């Protein structure tokens, strides 16, 4: 659940940020992840869907600033869903693009050791993350995250565009977008095939770096 405290924190952070958000450039061409993810999907996903989250987040923050200036508490409260949805969409996709790479790679020694400790093997972790992602009802995300308090890796899912850390407290390492716009043009209604294939373009250098930063 996205609790009252998390919504309040998001509103305060958004209110403190007056600089407009922008659509991040991809670190590769739209066609770079083929055949796993087609150029058409990547183009629409990045230039249309993510761009819309950014535009709507900026609009919501402008309304928030105006409401705060007027002391309009009702409007501030009413803006919480738009801030959560569009802010989460921007956060999630900014991680997602970096999580992917045509070169793939493999987990660092530090991450590989943690995966073996917490899941038994890399294959077990992939299977558990895939199963959780496929099982998301409707739209959402499957995540490999790090629980800083328990000092262990965990798998979690979030509905819609709820951001992992604000929702669960887990630090996001690797996210799988299971909204239909992420795969339907290519994989139709077979989400499981898309989820299985996406591990072929997982950027383990980025995932490993996120893990090692989370340990600090």
N, C-alpha and C. Protein backbone atom coordinates (compact mmCIF):
# COMPACT_ATOMS: atom_id res chain seq x y z
N UNK A 1 0.84 -1.20 0.00
CA UNK A 1 0.00 0.00 0.00
C UNK A 1 0.87 1.25 0.00
N UNK A 2 0.38 2.27 -0.67
CA UNK A 2 1.08 3.55 -0.67
C UNK A 2 0.47 4.37 0.44
N UNK A 3 1.09 4.36 1.63
CA UNK A 3 0.49 4.91 2.83
C UNK A 3 0.43 6.42 2.86
N UNK A 4 -0.29 6.92 3.87
CA UNK A 4 -0.46 8.36 4.03
C UNK A 4 0.87 9.06 4.20
N UNK A 5 1.78 8.45 4.97
CA UNK A 5 3.09 9.06 5.17
C UNK A 5 3.85 9.17 3.86
N UNK A 6 3.80 8.10 3.02
CA UNK A 6 4.50 8.12 1.74
C UNK A 6 3.94 9.18 0.82
N UNK A 7 2.59 9.30 0.77
CA UNK A 7 1.97 10.33 -0.05
C UNK A 7 2.38 11.71 0.43
N UNK A 8 2.38 11.90 1.76
CA UNK A 8 2.79 13.19 2.30
C UNK A 8 4.23 13.52 1.96
N UNK A 9 5.11 12.53 2.05
CA UNK A 9 6.52 12.75 1.70
C UNK A 9 6.65 13.11 0.24
N UNK A 10 5.89 12.42 -0.64
CA UNK A 10 5.97 12.69 -2.07
C UNK A 10 5.51 14.10 -2.37
N UNK A 11 4.44 14.54 -1.71
CA UNK A 11 3.94 15.89 -1.92
C UNK A 11 4.97 16.92 -1.46
N UNK A 12 5.60 16.67 -0.30
CA UNK A 12 6.61 17.62 0.19
C UNK A 12 7.81 17.69 -0.74
N UNK A 13 8.25 16.51 -1.23
CA UNK A 13 9.39 16.49 -2.16
C UNK A 13 9.03 17.21 -3.44
N UNK A 14 7.83 16.92 -3.98
CA UNK A 14 7.41 17.56 -5.21
C UNK A 14 7.30 19.07 -5.03
N UNK A 15 6.79 19.48 -3.86
CA UNK A 15 6.65 20.90 -3.60
C UNK A 15 7.98 21.60 -3.49
N UNK A 16 9.00 20.89 -3.05
CA UNK A 16 10.32 21.49 -2.90
C UNK A 16 11.06 21.58 -4.23
N UNK A 17 10.61 20.78 -5.22
CA UNK A 17 11.31 20.72 -6.51
C UNK A 17 10.60 21.61 -7.52
N UNK A 18 11.22 22.69 -7.90
CA UNK A 18 10.62 23.60 -8.87
C UNK A 18 11.21 23.40 -10.27
N UNK A 19 12.33 22.72 -10.36
CA UNK A 19 12.96 22.48 -11.65
C UNK A 19 12.17 21.41 -12.40
N UNK A 20 11.88 21.67 -13.67
CA UNK A 20 11.07 20.72 -14.43
C UNK A 20 11.84 19.45 -14.71
N UNK A 21 11.11 18.34 -14.71
CA UNK A 21 11.69 17.06 -15.07
C UNK A 21 11.77 16.95 -16.58
N UNK A 22 12.69 16.14 -17.07
CA UNK A 22 12.84 15.97 -18.51
C UNK A 22 12.97 14.49 -18.85
N UNK A 23 12.62 14.15 -20.07
CA UNK A 23 12.72 12.77 -20.53
C UNK A 23 14.19 12.42 -20.70
N UNK A 24 14.69 11.39 -20.01
CA UNK A 24 16.11 11.03 -20.16
C UNK A 24 16.37 10.38 -21.52
N UNK A 25 17.55 10.64 -22.04
CA UNK A 25 17.95 9.97 -23.28
C UNK A 25 18.22 8.49 -22.99
N UNK A 26 17.94 7.65 -23.98
CA UNK A 26 18.30 6.24 -23.84
C UNK A 26 19.80 6.09 -24.06
N UNK A 27 20.44 5.14 -23.39
CA UNK A 27 21.87 4.90 -23.58
C UNK A 27 22.15 4.01 -24.79
N UNK A 28 21.17 3.83 -25.66
CA UNK A 28 21.30 2.97 -26.84
C UNK A 28 20.22 3.38 -27.84
N UNK A 29 20.32 2.86 -29.06
CA UNK A 29 19.32 3.14 -30.09
C UNK A 29 18.05 2.35 -29.80
N UNK A 30 16.93 2.81 -30.37
CA UNK A 30 15.67 2.10 -30.17
C UNK A 30 15.73 0.65 -30.66
N UNK A 31 16.55 0.41 -31.65
CA UNK A 31 16.64 -0.94 -32.23
C UNK A 31 17.67 -1.83 -31.52
N UNK A 32 18.35 -1.30 -30.51
CA UNK A 32 19.50 -2.01 -29.91
C UNK A 32 19.11 -3.29 -29.21
N UNK A 33 17.90 -3.39 -28.72
CA UNK A 33 17.50 -4.56 -27.93
C UNK A 33 16.79 -5.63 -28.76
N UNK A 34 16.71 -5.42 -30.07
CA UNK A 34 16.11 -6.45 -30.93
C UNK A 34 16.99 -7.69 -30.95
N UNK A 35 16.42 -8.89 -31.05
CA UNK A 35 15.00 -9.18 -31.27
C UNK A 35 14.18 -9.29 -29.99
N UNK A 36 14.79 -9.09 -28.83
CA UNK A 36 14.04 -9.27 -27.58
C UNK A 36 12.94 -8.22 -27.46
N UNK A 37 13.27 -6.96 -27.69
CA UNK A 37 12.28 -5.88 -27.68
C UNK A 37 12.44 -5.10 -28.98
N UNK A 38 11.37 -4.99 -29.72
CA UNK A 38 11.43 -4.38 -31.05
C UNK A 38 11.65 -2.88 -30.99
N UNK A 39 12.14 -2.35 -32.09
CA UNK A 39 12.35 -0.91 -32.21
C UNK A 39 11.04 -0.16 -32.03
N UNK A 40 9.96 -0.68 -32.59
CA UNK A 40 8.67 0.01 -32.50
C UNK A 40 8.22 0.12 -31.04
N UNK A 41 8.35 -0.96 -30.29
CA UNK A 41 7.96 -0.92 -28.88
C UNK A 41 8.81 0.09 -28.11
N UNK A 42 10.12 0.02 -28.31
CA UNK A 42 11.02 0.93 -27.58
C UNK A 42 10.72 2.39 -27.91
N UNK A 43 10.46 2.68 -29.18
CA UNK A 43 10.18 4.04 -29.59
C UNK A 43 8.90 4.56 -28.94
N UNK A 44 7.83 3.77 -29.01
CA UNK A 44 6.56 4.18 -28.41
C UNK A 44 6.67 4.27 -26.89
N UNK A 45 7.33 3.30 -26.30
CA UNK A 45 7.44 3.22 -24.85
C UNK A 45 8.19 4.44 -24.29
N UNK A 46 9.30 4.77 -24.92
CA UNK A 46 10.13 5.87 -24.44
C UNK A 46 9.57 7.23 -24.86
N UNK A 47 9.35 7.43 -26.15
CA UNK A 47 9.00 8.77 -26.66
C UNK A 47 7.55 9.16 -26.43
N UNK A 48 6.69 8.18 -26.20
CA UNK A 48 5.27 8.49 -25.96
C UNK A 48 4.87 8.25 -24.49
N UNK A 49 5.01 7.02 -24.02
CA UNK A 49 4.54 6.70 -22.67
C UNK A 49 5.36 7.41 -21.60
N UNK A 50 6.68 7.24 -21.62
CA UNK A 50 7.50 7.89 -20.59
C UNK A 50 7.39 9.41 -20.71
N UNK A 51 7.37 9.91 -21.94
CA UNK A 51 7.25 11.36 -22.13
C UNK A 51 5.96 11.90 -21.53
N UNK A 52 4.90 11.11 -21.60
CA UNK A 52 3.62 11.55 -21.03
C UNK A 52 3.70 11.61 -19.52
N UNK A 53 4.35 10.64 -18.89
CA UNK A 53 4.52 10.69 -17.43
C UNK A 53 5.28 11.95 -17.03
N UNK A 54 6.31 12.28 -17.78
CA UNK A 54 7.11 13.46 -17.46
C UNK A 54 6.28 14.73 -17.60
N UNK A 55 5.54 14.84 -18.70
CA UNK A 55 4.71 16.03 -18.92
C UNK A 55 3.64 16.17 -17.84
N UNK A 56 3.00 15.07 -17.49
CA UNK A 56 1.94 15.12 -16.48
C UNK A 56 2.49 15.38 -15.09
N UNK A 57 3.70 14.88 -14.81
CA UNK A 57 4.33 15.15 -13.52
C UNK A 57 4.66 16.63 -13.39
N UNK A 58 5.21 17.21 -14.44
CA UNK A 58 5.51 18.64 -14.41
C UNK A 58 4.25 19.47 -14.21
N UNK A 59 3.16 19.07 -14.90
CA UNK A 59 1.90 19.80 -14.77
C UNK A 59 1.36 19.69 -13.34
N UNK A 60 1.45 18.50 -12.76
CA UNK A 60 0.96 18.30 -11.39
C UNK A 60 1.78 19.10 -10.40
N UNK A 61 3.08 19.18 -10.60
CA UNK A 61 3.92 19.94 -9.68
C UNK A 61 3.66 21.44 -9.80
N UNK A 62 3.34 21.90 -11.01
CA UNK A 62 3.00 23.32 -11.17
C UNK A 62 1.71 23.64 -10.41
N UNK A 63 0.72 22.75 -10.52
CA UNK A 63 -0.53 22.94 -9.79
C UNK A 63 -0.29 22.87 -8.28
N UNK A 64 0.62 21.99 -7.87
CA UNK A 64 0.93 21.87 -6.45
C UNK A 64 1.55 23.16 -5.93
N UNK A 65 2.49 23.72 -6.69
CA UNK A 65 3.14 24.96 -6.27
C UNK A 65 2.12 26.08 -6.12
N UNK A 66 1.20 26.16 -7.07
CA UNK A 66 0.17 27.21 -7.01
C UNK A 66 -0.74 27.00 -5.80
N UNK A 67 -1.09 25.73 -5.55
CA UNK A 67 -1.97 25.43 -4.41
C UNK A 67 -1.28 25.72 -3.09
N UNK A 68 0.01 25.41 -3.00
CA UNK A 68 0.76 25.69 -1.78
C UNK A 68 0.86 27.19 -1.53
N UNK A 69 1.06 27.94 -2.63
CA UNK A 69 1.18 29.39 -2.49
C UNK A 69 -0.11 30.00 -1.95
N UNK A 70 -1.25 29.38 -2.31
CA UNK A 70 -2.55 29.89 -1.87
C UNK A 70 -3.02 29.22 -0.57
N UNK A 71 -2.28 28.22 -0.11
CA UNK A 71 -2.71 27.49 1.07
C UNK A 71 -3.96 26.66 0.82
N UNK A 72 -4.09 26.19 -0.42
CA UNK A 72 -5.27 25.43 -0.84
C UNK A 72 -5.06 23.95 -0.50
N UNK A 73 -5.39 23.57 0.72
CA UNK A 73 -5.14 22.21 1.20
C UNK A 73 -5.91 21.17 0.41
N UNK A 74 -7.16 21.47 0.03
CA UNK A 74 -7.97 20.50 -0.70
C UNK A 74 -7.33 20.13 -2.03
N UNK A 75 -6.84 21.12 -2.76
CA UNK A 75 -6.18 20.84 -4.03
C UNK A 75 -4.89 20.08 -3.83
N UNK A 76 -4.14 20.43 -2.80
CA UNK A 76 -2.89 19.71 -2.50
C UNK A 76 -3.17 18.23 -2.28
N UNK A 77 -4.21 17.93 -1.51
CA UNK A 77 -4.57 16.53 -1.25
C UNK A 77 -5.02 15.85 -2.54
N UNK A 78 -5.82 16.54 -3.34
CA UNK A 78 -6.34 15.95 -4.57
C UNK A 78 -5.26 15.66 -5.60
N UNK A 79 -4.12 16.32 -5.49
CA UNK A 79 -3.02 16.11 -6.44
C UNK A 79 -2.19 14.86 -6.13
N UNK A 80 -2.39 14.27 -4.95
CA UNK A 80 -1.57 13.12 -4.55
C UNK A 80 -1.60 11.97 -5.55
N UNK A 81 -2.76 11.55 -6.07
CA UNK A 81 -2.77 10.44 -7.03
C UNK A 81 -1.98 10.75 -8.31
N UNK A 82 -2.08 11.97 -8.82
CA UNK A 82 -1.36 12.33 -10.04
C UNK A 82 0.15 12.36 -9.80
N UNK A 83 0.55 12.83 -8.63
CA UNK A 83 1.98 12.86 -8.30
C UNK A 83 2.53 11.44 -8.15
N UNK A 84 1.75 10.57 -7.49
CA UNK A 84 2.20 9.19 -7.31
C UNK A 84 2.29 8.46 -8.64
N UNK A 85 1.25 8.57 -9.46
CA UNK A 85 1.20 7.82 -10.71
C UNK A 85 2.26 8.32 -11.70
N UNK A 86 2.30 9.60 -11.95
CA UNK A 86 3.23 10.13 -12.93
C UNK A 86 4.66 10.21 -12.41
N UNK A 87 4.80 10.53 -11.12
CA UNK A 87 6.13 10.51 -10.52
C UNK A 87 6.70 9.11 -10.50
N UNK A 88 5.85 8.14 -10.13
CA UNK A 88 6.29 6.75 -10.15
C UNK A 88 6.64 6.28 -11.55
N UNK A 89 5.83 6.68 -12.53
CA UNK A 89 6.12 6.30 -13.91
C UNK A 89 7.46 6.83 -14.38
N UNK A 90 7.77 8.05 -13.99
CA UNK A 90 9.07 8.65 -14.36
C UNK A 90 10.22 7.94 -13.65
N UNK A 91 10.07 7.69 -12.36
CA UNK A 91 11.11 6.99 -11.60
C UNK A 91 11.34 5.59 -12.16
N UNK A 92 10.25 4.83 -12.33
CA UNK A 92 10.36 3.44 -12.77
C UNK A 92 11.01 3.31 -14.14
N UNK A 93 10.57 4.14 -15.08
CA UNK A 93 11.11 4.02 -16.43
C UNK A 93 12.56 4.51 -16.51
N UNK A 94 12.91 5.50 -15.71
CA UNK A 94 14.30 5.98 -15.70
C UNK A 94 15.24 4.87 -15.25
N UNK A 95 14.78 4.01 -14.33
CA UNK A 95 15.56 2.84 -13.91
C UNK A 95 15.54 1.78 -14.99
N UNK A 96 14.35 1.53 -15.55
CA UNK A 96 14.15 0.46 -16.53
C UNK A 96 15.07 0.59 -17.74
N UNK A 97 15.19 1.78 -18.30
CA UNK A 97 16.07 1.95 -19.48
C UNK A 97 17.51 1.60 -19.16
N UNK A 98 17.96 1.99 -17.97
CA UNK A 98 19.33 1.70 -17.57
C UNK A 98 19.53 0.21 -17.24
N UNK A 99 18.46 -0.45 -16.83
CA UNK A 99 18.51 -1.88 -16.50
C UNK A 99 18.69 -2.77 -17.72
N UNK A 100 18.53 -2.21 -18.91
CA UNK A 100 18.58 -3.00 -20.14
C UNK A 100 19.81 -2.67 -20.97
N UNK A 101 20.33 -3.66 -21.66
CA UNK A 101 21.51 -3.48 -22.51
C UNK A 101 21.63 -4.65 -23.47
N UNK A 102 22.02 -4.35 -24.68
CA UNK A 102 22.20 -5.41 -25.67
C UNK A 102 23.34 -6.35 -25.29
N UNK A 103 24.30 -5.83 -24.53
CA UNK A 103 25.48 -6.63 -24.18
C UNK A 103 25.22 -7.58 -23.01
N UNK A 104 24.17 -7.32 -22.25
CA UNK A 104 23.81 -8.23 -21.16
C UNK A 104 24.82 -8.25 -20.03
N UNK A 105 25.76 -9.17 -20.11
CA UNK A 105 26.76 -9.31 -19.06
C UNK A 105 26.33 -10.31 -18.00
N UNK A 106 26.95 -10.22 -16.85
CA UNK A 106 26.60 -11.11 -15.74
C UNK A 106 26.76 -10.36 -14.43
N UNK A 107 26.13 -10.84 -13.35
CA UNK A 107 26.24 -10.15 -12.07
C UNK A 107 27.68 -10.07 -11.60
N UNK A 108 28.00 -8.97 -10.91
CA UNK A 108 29.32 -8.85 -10.30
C UNK A 108 29.49 -9.95 -9.26
N UNK A 109 30.73 -10.16 -8.85
CA UNK A 109 31.01 -11.19 -7.84
C UNK A 109 30.23 -10.92 -6.55
N UNK A 110 30.13 -9.63 -6.18
CA UNK A 110 29.42 -9.27 -4.95
C UNK A 110 27.94 -9.58 -5.06
N UNK A 111 27.34 -9.22 -6.19
CA UNK A 111 25.91 -9.48 -6.37
C UNK A 111 25.65 -10.97 -6.55
N UNK A 112 26.52 -11.65 -7.29
CA UNK A 112 26.35 -13.09 -7.50
C UNK A 112 26.35 -13.84 -6.17
N UNK A 113 27.23 -13.44 -5.26
CA UNK A 113 27.29 -14.08 -3.94
C UNK A 113 26.00 -13.85 -3.17
N UNK A 114 25.47 -12.62 -3.25
CA UNK A 114 24.22 -12.30 -2.54
C UNK A 114 23.05 -13.07 -3.13
N UNK A 115 23.01 -13.18 -4.46
CA UNK A 115 21.94 -13.93 -5.11
C UNK A 115 21.98 -15.39 -4.68
N UNK A 116 23.17 -15.96 -4.66
CA UNK A 116 23.30 -17.36 -4.25
C UNK A 116 22.88 -17.53 -2.79
N UNK A 117 23.23 -16.58 -1.95
CA UNK A 117 22.89 -16.67 -0.53
C UNK A 117 21.38 -16.55 -0.31
N UNK A 118 20.73 -15.64 -1.05
CA UNK A 118 19.31 -15.36 -0.79
C UNK A 118 18.34 -16.18 -1.63
N UNK A 119 18.82 -16.72 -2.76
CA UNK A 119 17.93 -17.47 -3.64
C UNK A 119 18.44 -18.87 -3.98
N UNK A 120 19.66 -19.16 -3.65
CA UNK A 120 20.23 -20.47 -3.97
C UNK A 120 21.01 -20.49 -5.25
N UNK A 121 20.54 -19.75 -6.26
CA UNK A 121 21.24 -19.66 -7.55
C UNK A 121 20.64 -18.53 -8.36
N UNK A 122 21.37 -18.11 -9.40
CA UNK A 122 20.86 -17.07 -10.30
C UNK A 122 19.60 -17.55 -11.00
N UNK A 123 19.57 -18.80 -11.43
CA UNK A 123 18.39 -19.33 -12.10
C UNK A 123 17.17 -19.31 -11.19
N UNK A 124 17.36 -19.65 -9.91
CA UNK A 124 16.25 -19.61 -8.97
C UNK A 124 15.71 -18.19 -8.82
N UNK A 125 16.62 -17.22 -8.75
CA UNK A 125 16.18 -15.84 -8.63
C UNK A 125 15.40 -15.43 -9.87
N UNK A 126 15.91 -15.75 -11.06
CA UNK A 126 15.22 -15.41 -12.30
C UNK A 126 13.83 -16.04 -12.34
N UNK A 127 13.75 -17.30 -11.94
CA UNK A 127 12.46 -18.00 -11.97
C UNK A 127 11.45 -17.36 -11.01
N UNK A 128 11.93 -16.98 -9.83
CA UNK A 128 11.03 -16.36 -8.85
C UNK A 128 10.59 -14.97 -9.29
N UNK A 129 11.53 -14.20 -9.85
CA UNK A 129 11.18 -12.87 -10.34
C UNK A 129 10.24 -12.96 -11.53
N UNK A 130 10.50 -13.91 -12.42
CA UNK A 130 9.63 -14.09 -13.59
C UNK A 130 8.22 -14.48 -13.15
N UNK A 131 8.12 -15.42 -12.22
CA UNK A 131 6.81 -15.88 -11.75
C UNK A 131 6.03 -14.74 -11.11
N UNK A 132 6.70 -13.94 -10.29
CA UNK A 132 6.04 -12.81 -9.63
C UNK A 132 5.58 -11.78 -10.65
N UNK A 133 6.42 -11.52 -11.65
CA UNK A 133 6.09 -10.51 -12.67
C UNK A 133 4.91 -10.96 -13.53
N UNK A 134 4.92 -12.22 -13.94
CA UNK A 134 3.83 -12.76 -14.76
C UNK A 134 2.52 -12.74 -13.98
N UNK A 135 2.59 -12.93 -12.68
CA UNK A 135 1.39 -13.03 -11.85
C UNK A 135 0.76 -11.68 -11.49
N UNK A 136 1.42 -10.57 -11.83
CA UNK A 136 0.84 -9.26 -11.53
C UNK A 136 -0.51 -9.15 -12.23
N UNK A 137 -1.53 -8.81 -11.49
CA UNK A 137 -2.87 -8.67 -12.07
C UNK A 137 -3.01 -7.28 -12.67
N UNK A 138 -3.35 -7.24 -13.95
CA UNK A 138 -3.45 -5.95 -14.62
C UNK A 138 -2.07 -5.39 -14.93
N UNK A 139 -1.88 -4.11 -14.66
CA UNK A 139 -0.62 -3.45 -14.99
C UNK A 139 0.24 -3.28 -13.75
N UNK A 140 1.55 -3.32 -13.93
CA UNK A 140 2.44 -3.13 -12.79
C UNK A 140 3.86 -3.51 -13.12
N UNK A 141 4.63 -3.80 -12.08
CA UNK A 141 6.06 -4.08 -12.21
C UNK A 141 6.46 -5.23 -11.30
N UNK A 142 7.43 -6.02 -11.77
CA UNK A 142 8.11 -6.99 -10.93
C UNK A 142 9.50 -6.45 -10.63
N UNK A 143 9.98 -6.63 -9.40
CA UNK A 143 11.25 -6.02 -8.98
C UNK A 143 12.14 -6.99 -8.21
N UNK A 144 13.43 -6.87 -8.48
CA UNK A 144 14.46 -7.37 -7.58
C UNK A 144 14.92 -6.16 -6.79
N UNK A 145 14.76 -6.22 -5.47
CA UNK A 145 15.13 -5.08 -4.65
C UNK A 145 16.03 -5.51 -3.50
N UNK A 146 16.54 -4.52 -2.79
CA UNK A 146 17.42 -4.78 -1.65
C UNK A 146 16.78 -4.21 -0.39
N UNK A 147 16.62 -5.08 0.61
CA UNK A 147 16.10 -4.67 1.90
C UNK A 147 17.27 -4.27 2.79
N UNK A 148 17.43 -2.96 2.97
CA UNK A 148 18.60 -2.45 3.69
C UNK A 148 18.57 -2.83 5.17
N UNK A 149 17.37 -2.90 5.75
CA UNK A 149 17.27 -3.24 7.17
C UNK A 149 17.61 -4.71 7.41
N UNK A 150 17.09 -5.59 6.53
CA UNK A 150 17.33 -7.02 6.69
C UNK A 150 18.62 -7.46 5.99
N UNK A 151 19.20 -6.55 5.21
CA UNK A 151 20.44 -6.82 4.49
C UNK A 151 20.32 -8.06 3.59
N UNK A 152 19.26 -8.06 2.78
CA UNK A 152 19.06 -9.17 1.87
C UNK A 152 18.29 -8.72 0.62
N UNK A 153 18.45 -9.51 -0.43
CA UNK A 153 17.71 -9.28 -1.66
C UNK A 153 16.29 -9.81 -1.51
N UNK A 154 15.35 -9.12 -2.14
CA UNK A 154 13.96 -9.56 -2.09
C UNK A 154 13.28 -9.30 -3.42
N UNK A 155 12.27 -10.09 -3.72
CA UNK A 155 11.44 -9.89 -4.90
C UNK A 155 10.12 -9.30 -4.46
N UNK A 156 9.64 -8.31 -5.21
CA UNK A 156 8.38 -7.66 -4.87
C UNK A 156 7.69 -7.23 -6.16
N UNK A 157 6.41 -6.96 -6.06
CA UNK A 157 5.67 -6.42 -7.19
C UNK A 157 4.95 -5.15 -6.75
N UNK A 158 4.72 -4.27 -7.70
CA UNK A 158 3.98 -3.04 -7.44
C UNK A 158 2.92 -2.87 -8.52
N UNK A 159 1.76 -2.38 -8.15
CA UNK A 159 0.70 -2.18 -9.12
C UNK A 159 0.89 -0.84 -9.83
N UNK A 160 0.33 -0.77 -11.03
CA UNK A 160 0.33 0.46 -11.82
C UNK A 160 1.75 1.04 -11.92
N UNK A 161 1.95 2.30 -11.48
CA UNK A 161 3.28 2.89 -11.51
C UNK A 161 3.80 3.19 -10.10
N UNK A 162 3.27 2.50 -9.10
CA UNK A 162 3.76 2.73 -7.74
C UNK A 162 5.27 2.48 -7.68
N UNK A 163 6.05 3.44 -7.20
CA UNK A 163 7.50 3.28 -7.13
C UNK A 163 7.89 2.33 -5.99
N UNK A 164 8.86 1.48 -6.25
CA UNK A 164 9.21 0.42 -5.30
C UNK A 164 9.63 0.95 -3.94
N UNK A 165 10.58 1.87 -3.92
CA UNK A 165 11.14 2.29 -2.64
C UNK A 165 10.11 3.02 -1.78
N UNK A 166 9.36 3.92 -2.38
CA UNK A 166 8.34 4.66 -1.62
C UNK A 166 7.21 3.75 -1.17
N UNK A 167 6.98 2.66 -1.92
CA UNK A 167 5.87 1.76 -1.62
C UNK A 167 6.25 0.69 -0.61
N UNK A 168 7.45 0.11 -0.76
CA UNK A 168 7.84 -1.03 0.07
C UNK A 168 9.06 -0.79 0.94
N UNK A 169 9.83 0.23 0.64
CA UNK A 169 11.08 0.47 1.36
C UNK A 169 12.27 -0.23 0.73
N UNK A 170 12.02 -1.10 -0.25
CA UNK A 170 13.12 -1.80 -0.92
C UNK A 170 13.81 -0.88 -1.92
N UNK A 171 15.12 -0.99 -2.01
CA UNK A 171 15.88 -0.21 -2.99
C UNK A 171 15.81 -0.93 -4.33
N UNK A 172 15.35 -0.28 -5.39
CA UNK A 172 15.18 -0.97 -6.68
C UNK A 172 16.51 -1.29 -7.36
N UNK A 173 16.63 -2.53 -7.80
CA UNK A 173 17.83 -2.97 -8.52
C UNK A 173 17.51 -3.30 -9.97
N UNK A 174 16.47 -4.10 -10.17
CA UNK A 174 16.09 -4.54 -11.52
C UNK A 174 14.58 -4.62 -11.61
N UNK A 175 14.00 -3.87 -12.55
CA UNK A 175 12.56 -3.85 -12.69
C UNK A 175 12.12 -4.41 -14.03
N UNK A 176 11.00 -5.13 -14.02
CA UNK A 176 10.41 -5.64 -15.24
C UNK A 176 9.04 -4.99 -15.41
N UNK A 177 8.90 -4.19 -16.44
CA UNK A 177 7.65 -3.50 -16.73
C UNK A 177 6.68 -4.49 -17.36
N UNK A 178 5.56 -4.77 -16.70
CA UNK A 178 4.59 -5.69 -17.28
C UNK A 178 3.28 -5.00 -17.65
N UNK A 179 3.36 -3.68 -17.88
CA UNK A 179 2.25 -3.03 -18.56
C UNK A 179 2.20 -3.58 -19.99
N UNK A 180 1.00 -3.70 -20.55
CA UNK A 180 0.88 -4.28 -21.89
C UNK A 180 1.63 -3.47 -22.95
N UNK A 181 1.75 -2.14 -22.76
CA UNK A 181 2.44 -1.35 -23.78
C UNK A 181 3.93 -1.71 -23.86
N UNK A 182 4.44 -2.41 -22.84
CA UNK A 182 5.86 -2.80 -22.85
C UNK A 182 6.13 -4.01 -23.73
N UNK A 183 5.08 -4.75 -24.10
CA UNK A 183 5.33 -6.01 -24.83
C UNK A 183 4.26 -6.43 -25.83
N UNK A 184 3.06 -5.84 -25.79
CA UNK A 184 1.93 -6.41 -26.52
C UNK A 184 2.11 -6.42 -28.04
N UNK A 185 2.74 -5.38 -28.60
CA UNK A 185 2.93 -5.32 -30.05
C UNK A 185 3.76 -6.50 -30.57
N UNK A 186 4.57 -7.06 -29.71
CA UNK A 186 5.49 -8.13 -30.12
C UNK A 186 5.08 -9.49 -29.55
N UNK A 187 4.69 -9.53 -28.30
CA UNK A 187 4.41 -10.79 -27.62
C UNK A 187 2.91 -11.06 -27.45
N UNK A 188 2.08 -10.13 -27.94
CA UNK A 188 0.63 -10.24 -27.81
C UNK A 188 0.26 -10.44 -26.33
N UNK A 189 -0.59 -11.42 -26.03
CA UNK A 189 -1.04 -11.60 -24.64
C UNK A 189 -0.19 -12.59 -23.85
N UNK A 190 0.96 -13.01 -24.42
CA UNK A 190 1.79 -14.01 -23.75
C UNK A 190 2.87 -13.29 -22.93
N UNK A 191 2.46 -12.76 -21.81
CA UNK A 191 3.38 -12.02 -20.95
C UNK A 191 4.57 -12.87 -20.53
N UNK A 192 4.35 -14.16 -20.30
CA UNK A 192 5.41 -15.03 -19.82
C UNK A 192 6.58 -15.10 -20.80
N UNK A 193 6.30 -15.07 -22.10
CA UNK A 193 7.38 -15.11 -23.10
C UNK A 193 8.22 -13.84 -23.04
N UNK A 194 7.56 -12.71 -22.88
CA UNK A 194 8.27 -11.43 -22.77
C UNK A 194 9.15 -11.40 -21.52
N UNK A 195 8.59 -11.82 -20.39
CA UNK A 195 9.34 -11.80 -19.13
C UNK A 195 10.55 -12.73 -19.21
N UNK A 196 10.37 -13.90 -19.79
CA UNK A 196 11.49 -14.83 -19.95
C UNK A 196 12.58 -14.23 -20.83
N UNK A 197 12.17 -13.58 -21.92
CA UNK A 197 13.13 -13.04 -22.88
C UNK A 197 13.90 -11.84 -22.34
N UNK A 198 13.27 -11.06 -21.45
CA UNK A 198 13.90 -9.81 -21.03
C UNK A 198 15.20 -10.04 -20.26
N UNK A 199 15.36 -11.22 -19.67
CA UNK A 199 16.61 -11.52 -18.98
C UNK A 199 17.79 -11.57 -19.95
N UNK A 200 17.50 -11.78 -21.24
CA UNK A 200 18.57 -11.81 -22.24
C UNK A 200 19.20 -10.43 -22.45
N UNK A 201 18.47 -9.38 -22.11
CA UNK A 201 19.01 -8.02 -22.28
C UNK A 201 19.12 -7.31 -20.92
N UNK A 202 19.15 -8.07 -19.84
CA UNK A 202 19.36 -7.46 -18.52
C UNK A 202 20.78 -6.90 -18.44
N UNK A 203 20.88 -5.66 -18.03
CA UNK A 203 22.19 -4.99 -17.92
C UNK A 203 22.74 -5.26 -16.52
N UNK A 204 23.48 -6.36 -16.39
CA UNK A 204 23.96 -6.75 -15.08
C UNK A 204 25.02 -5.80 -14.52
N UNK A 205 25.67 -5.05 -15.39
CA UNK A 205 26.60 -4.03 -14.88
C UNK A 205 25.83 -2.96 -14.11
N UNK A 206 24.70 -2.53 -14.65
CA UNK A 206 23.89 -1.52 -13.99
C UNK A 206 23.25 -2.08 -12.73
N UNK A 207 22.70 -3.28 -12.82
CA UNK A 207 22.05 -3.91 -11.66
C UNK A 207 23.07 -4.11 -10.53
N UNK A 208 24.26 -4.56 -10.89
CA UNK A 208 25.31 -4.78 -9.89
C UNK A 208 25.73 -3.46 -9.24
N UNK A 209 25.84 -2.42 -10.05
CA UNK A 209 26.22 -1.11 -9.53
C UNK A 209 25.17 -0.60 -8.55
N UNK A 210 23.90 -0.79 -8.88
CA UNK A 210 22.84 -0.36 -7.97
C UNK A 210 22.92 -1.13 -6.65
N UNK A 211 23.22 -2.42 -6.73
CA UNK A 211 23.34 -3.22 -5.51
C UNK A 211 24.50 -2.73 -4.65
N UNK A 212 25.64 -2.51 -5.28
CA UNK A 212 26.80 -2.10 -4.51
C UNK A 212 26.62 -0.71 -3.90
N UNK A 213 25.87 0.18 -4.60
CA UNK A 213 25.55 1.48 -4.02
C UNK A 213 24.58 1.33 -2.86
N UNK A 214 23.68 0.36 -2.95
CA UNK A 214 22.71 0.15 -1.88
C UNK A 214 23.37 -0.34 -0.60
N UNK A 215 24.51 -1.01 -0.74
CA UNK A 215 25.21 -1.53 0.43
C UNK A 215 25.91 -0.42 1.24
N UNK A 216 26.10 0.73 0.63
CA UNK A 216 26.87 1.79 1.29
C UNK A 216 26.07 2.45 2.43
